Protein backbone atom coordinates (compact mmCIF):
# COMPACT_ATOMS: atom_id res chain seq x y z
CA MET A 1 7.02 9.95 -23.12
CA GLY A 2 5.61 9.69 -19.65
CA ARG A 3 7.19 10.47 -16.26
CA ILE A 4 10.06 8.12 -15.18
CA ASN A 5 10.30 7.13 -11.56
CA TYR A 6 13.61 7.26 -9.96
CA TYR A 7 14.74 5.37 -6.80
CA LYS A 8 15.97 8.45 -4.93
CA GLN A 9 12.64 10.37 -5.54
CA SER A 10 10.66 7.43 -4.18
CA THR A 11 12.89 7.04 -1.24
CA LYS A 12 12.35 10.72 -0.24
CA ILE A 13 8.56 10.23 -0.45
CA GLU A 14 8.76 6.99 1.63
CA MET A 15 10.91 8.61 4.31
CA ALA A 16 8.50 11.53 4.58
CA GLY A 17 5.55 9.27 4.66
CA SER A 18 7.08 7.04 7.19
CA LYS A 19 7.49 9.83 9.73
CA TYR A 20 3.98 10.96 9.05
CA LEU A 21 2.63 7.48 9.64
CA ASP A 22 4.45 7.23 12.85
CA ALA A 23 2.53 10.23 14.11
CA ILE A 24 -0.70 8.63 12.95
CA TYR A 25 -0.02 5.29 14.71
CA LYS A 26 0.54 7.30 17.93
CA LYS A 27 -2.28 9.77 17.68
CA TYR A 28 -5.06 7.63 16.27
CA PHE A 29 -4.11 4.06 17.32
CA GLY A 30 -2.37 4.76 20.66
CA ALA A 31 0.90 3.18 19.63
CA LYS A 32 3.14 3.07 22.65
CA LYS A 33 6.23 1.87 20.72
CA ILE A 34 7.12 1.79 17.00
CA ILE A 35 10.12 -0.04 15.73
CA LYS A 36 11.38 0.39 12.19
CA ASN A 37 12.32 -3.00 10.78
CA THR A 38 16.00 -3.06 9.83
CA ASN A 39 16.07 -6.73 8.95
CA ARG A 40 16.30 -6.77 5.14
CA THR A 41 14.85 -10.32 4.76
CA THR A 42 11.69 -9.62 6.68
CA GLN A 43 11.48 -6.09 5.22
CA ILE A 44 11.31 -7.65 1.74
CA ARG A 45 8.61 -10.00 3.08
CA GLY A 46 6.43 -7.15 3.97
CA VAL A 47 7.27 -5.89 7.45
CA ASP A 48 8.29 -2.28 7.54
CA LYS A 49 7.48 -1.64 11.18
CA LEU A 50 6.32 -3.33 14.33
CA ILE A 51 3.63 -1.33 16.10
CA TYR A 52 3.00 -2.00 19.82
CA LEU A 53 -0.46 -1.19 21.10
CA PRO A 54 -1.44 -0.93 24.80
CA ASN A 55 -4.09 -3.77 24.43
CA ARG A 56 -1.81 -6.31 22.70
CA LYS A 57 1.17 -8.33 23.83
CA LEU A 58 2.39 -8.92 20.32
CA PRO A 59 3.20 -6.14 17.85
CA ILE A 60 1.22 -5.54 14.63
CA ARG A 61 3.36 -6.12 11.64
CA VAL A 62 2.87 -3.30 9.13
CA GLU A 63 3.74 -2.79 5.48
CA GLU A 64 3.61 0.90 4.46
CA LYS A 65 2.62 2.07 0.96
CA TYR A 66 2.68 5.72 -0.17
CA ARG A 67 1.07 7.63 -3.00
CA SER A 68 1.65 11.34 -3.59
CA ARG A 69 -1.77 12.04 -4.99
CA TRP A 70 -5.42 11.02 -4.29
CA TYR A 71 -7.21 9.48 -7.27
CA GLY A 72 -10.03 7.68 -5.36
CA ASP A 73 -8.40 4.19 -5.62
CA ILE A 74 -5.75 2.03 -4.25
CA LEU A 75 -2.96 0.61 -6.43
CA LEU A 76 -2.51 -3.08 -6.22
CA GLU A 77 1.01 -3.86 -7.70
CA TYR A 78 0.95 -7.36 -9.34
CA ILE A 79 4.15 -6.98 -11.47
CA SER A 80 7.09 -5.24 -9.73
CA ASN A 81 9.47 -5.57 -12.75
CA ASP A 82 8.13 -6.47 -16.17
CA THR A 83 11.68 -7.12 -17.50
CA THR A 84 12.53 -9.80 -15.03
CA GLY A 85 8.96 -10.88 -14.29
CA ARG A 86 9.36 -10.19 -10.62
CA LEU A 87 5.94 -10.25 -8.74
CA GLY A 88 4.44 -7.29 -7.15
CA TRP A 89 3.59 -7.08 -3.52
CA ILE A 90 -0.09 -8.12 -3.84
CA GLU A 91 1.15 -11.40 -5.46
CA LYS A 92 3.62 -12.26 -2.63
CA SER A 93 3.13 -14.05 0.63
CA LEU A 94 3.84 -11.25 2.95
CA LEU A 95 4.35 -11.52 6.72
CA CYS A 96 2.55 -8.30 7.64
CA ASP A 97 -0.76 -8.03 9.52
CA TYR A 98 -1.83 -4.83 7.91
CA ILE A 99 -1.09 -2.72 4.86
CA PHE A 100 -1.12 0.98 5.70
CA TYR A 101 -1.64 3.22 2.63
CA ALA A 102 -0.91 6.98 2.97
CA ILE A 103 -1.92 9.55 0.31
CA ASN A 104 -0.85 13.06 0.70
CA ASN A 105 -2.30 15.39 -1.90
CA PRO A 106 -4.74 17.18 -1.98
CA ILE A 107 -6.25 15.48 0.95
CA THR A 108 -4.30 13.56 3.53
CA LYS A 109 -5.83 10.14 3.96
CA VAL A 110 -4.60 6.97 5.52
CA PHE A 111 -6.06 3.62 4.75
CA TRP A 112 -5.53 0.34 6.45
CA PHE A 113 -6.35 -3.23 5.30
CA ASN A 114 -6.02 -6.38 6.96
CA TRP A 115 -3.40 -8.22 4.87
CA GLU A 116 -4.97 -11.72 4.83
CA GLN A 117 -8.39 -10.32 3.92
CA LEU A 118 -6.93 -8.16 1.17
CA LYS A 119 -4.91 -11.02 -0.21
CA THR A 120 -7.96 -13.25 -0.22
CA LEU A 121 -10.07 -10.69 -1.99
CA TRP A 122 -7.33 -10.22 -4.57
CA GLU A 123 -7.05 -13.98 -5.23
CA LEU A 124 -10.87 -14.16 -5.67
CA ASN A 125 -11.10 -11.24 -8.05
CA LYS A 126 -7.70 -10.61 -9.66
CA ALA A 127 -8.48 -12.02 -13.13
CA LYS A 128 -11.64 -9.96 -13.33
CA TRP A 129 -9.94 -6.76 -11.83
CA ILE A 130 -7.00 -6.94 -14.15
CA VAL A 131 -9.46 -7.29 -17.20
CA TYR A 132 -11.54 -4.33 -15.72
CA GLY A 133 -8.18 -2.29 -15.44
CA GLU A 134 -7.10 -3.04 -18.99
CA GLN A 135 -10.60 -1.99 -20.19
CA ASN A 136 -10.79 1.04 -17.88
CA ILE A 137 -14.28 0.08 -16.65
CA HIS A 138 -16.08 0.15 -13.32
CA GLY A 139 -13.63 2.65 -11.93
CA PHE A 140 -10.62 0.30 -12.35
CA ASN A 141 -7.56 1.21 -14.36
CA LYS A 142 -4.29 -0.44 -15.41
CA ILE A 143 -1.36 1.62 -14.27
CA VAL A 144 2.07 1.23 -15.85
CA ALA A 145 4.69 3.05 -13.94
CA LYS A 146 7.93 3.69 -15.95
CA ASN A 147 11.02 3.17 -14.19
CA VAL A 148 14.74 3.19 -15.42
CA GLY A 149 14.92 -0.07 -17.48
CA TYR A 150 11.64 -1.60 -16.49
CA ASN A 151 7.99 -1.05 -15.80
CA THR A 152 5.84 -1.67 -12.67
CA ILE A 153 2.28 -2.77 -13.32
CA SER A 154 -0.62 -2.25 -11.06
CA VAL A 155 -4.42 -2.25 -11.10
CA ALA A 156 -6.02 0.83 -9.59
CA VAL A 157 -9.08 -0.50 -7.64
CA PRO A 158 -11.78 1.82 -6.44
CA VAL A 159 -11.26 2.32 -2.70
CA GLN A 160 -14.76 1.74 -1.88
CA THR A 161 -14.51 -1.78 -3.44
CA LEU A 162 -11.81 -2.55 -0.85
CA LEU A 163 -13.40 -0.91 2.10
CA ASN A 164 -16.86 -2.57 1.42
CA ASN A 165 -15.27 -6.09 1.18
CA ILE A 166 -12.59 -6.10 3.75
CA LYS A 167 -14.02 -6.33 7.37
CA ASN A 168 -10.81 -5.13 9.08
CA SER A 169 -10.13 -2.05 7.16
CA GLY A 170 -10.59 1.71 7.47
CA VAL A 171 -9.75 5.19 6.58
CA LYS A 172 -8.83 8.38 8.36
CA GLU A 173 -9.01 11.70 6.49
CA LEU A 174 -6.84 14.08 8.36
CA CYS A 175 -6.82 17.53 6.79
CA GLN A 176 -7.32 19.64 3.68
CA ARG A 177 -4.30 21.18 2.06
């Protein structure tokens, strides 16, 4: 039997990643102010933080994702709970401007993707990418994460596929461990 994900473990990873990303926003993007979203409704709709940059009046709304290991891909979660049928984050209409995706082992990398461009790319390719993932071809993989009482289903998309097709995206490799 595979590893089971537990909420408390996931929360610890997110808290550590969140503090780490705050430092990234300040150092590499010049963030002047970072506000953690405490409004549960907008947090569920994809706004974890508001990032204020010196050259913008309005904040950038950010959704943060974390992964503990680097596999050369980005997980796009299309089913959050297979028991209830709840949609994954890539299938939702989120309010964020950008997705920040942090990976912490063995290389620390941070990716960012414009949400609207990522969502459009997903809509254009999801049927094909899900099939690729199910067949484990072209660098795509279907990932089933076992949780207590349900599974979360994602497709692992090669990171270069996303970076090459999303104009407002990028990566920052920060250090070797």
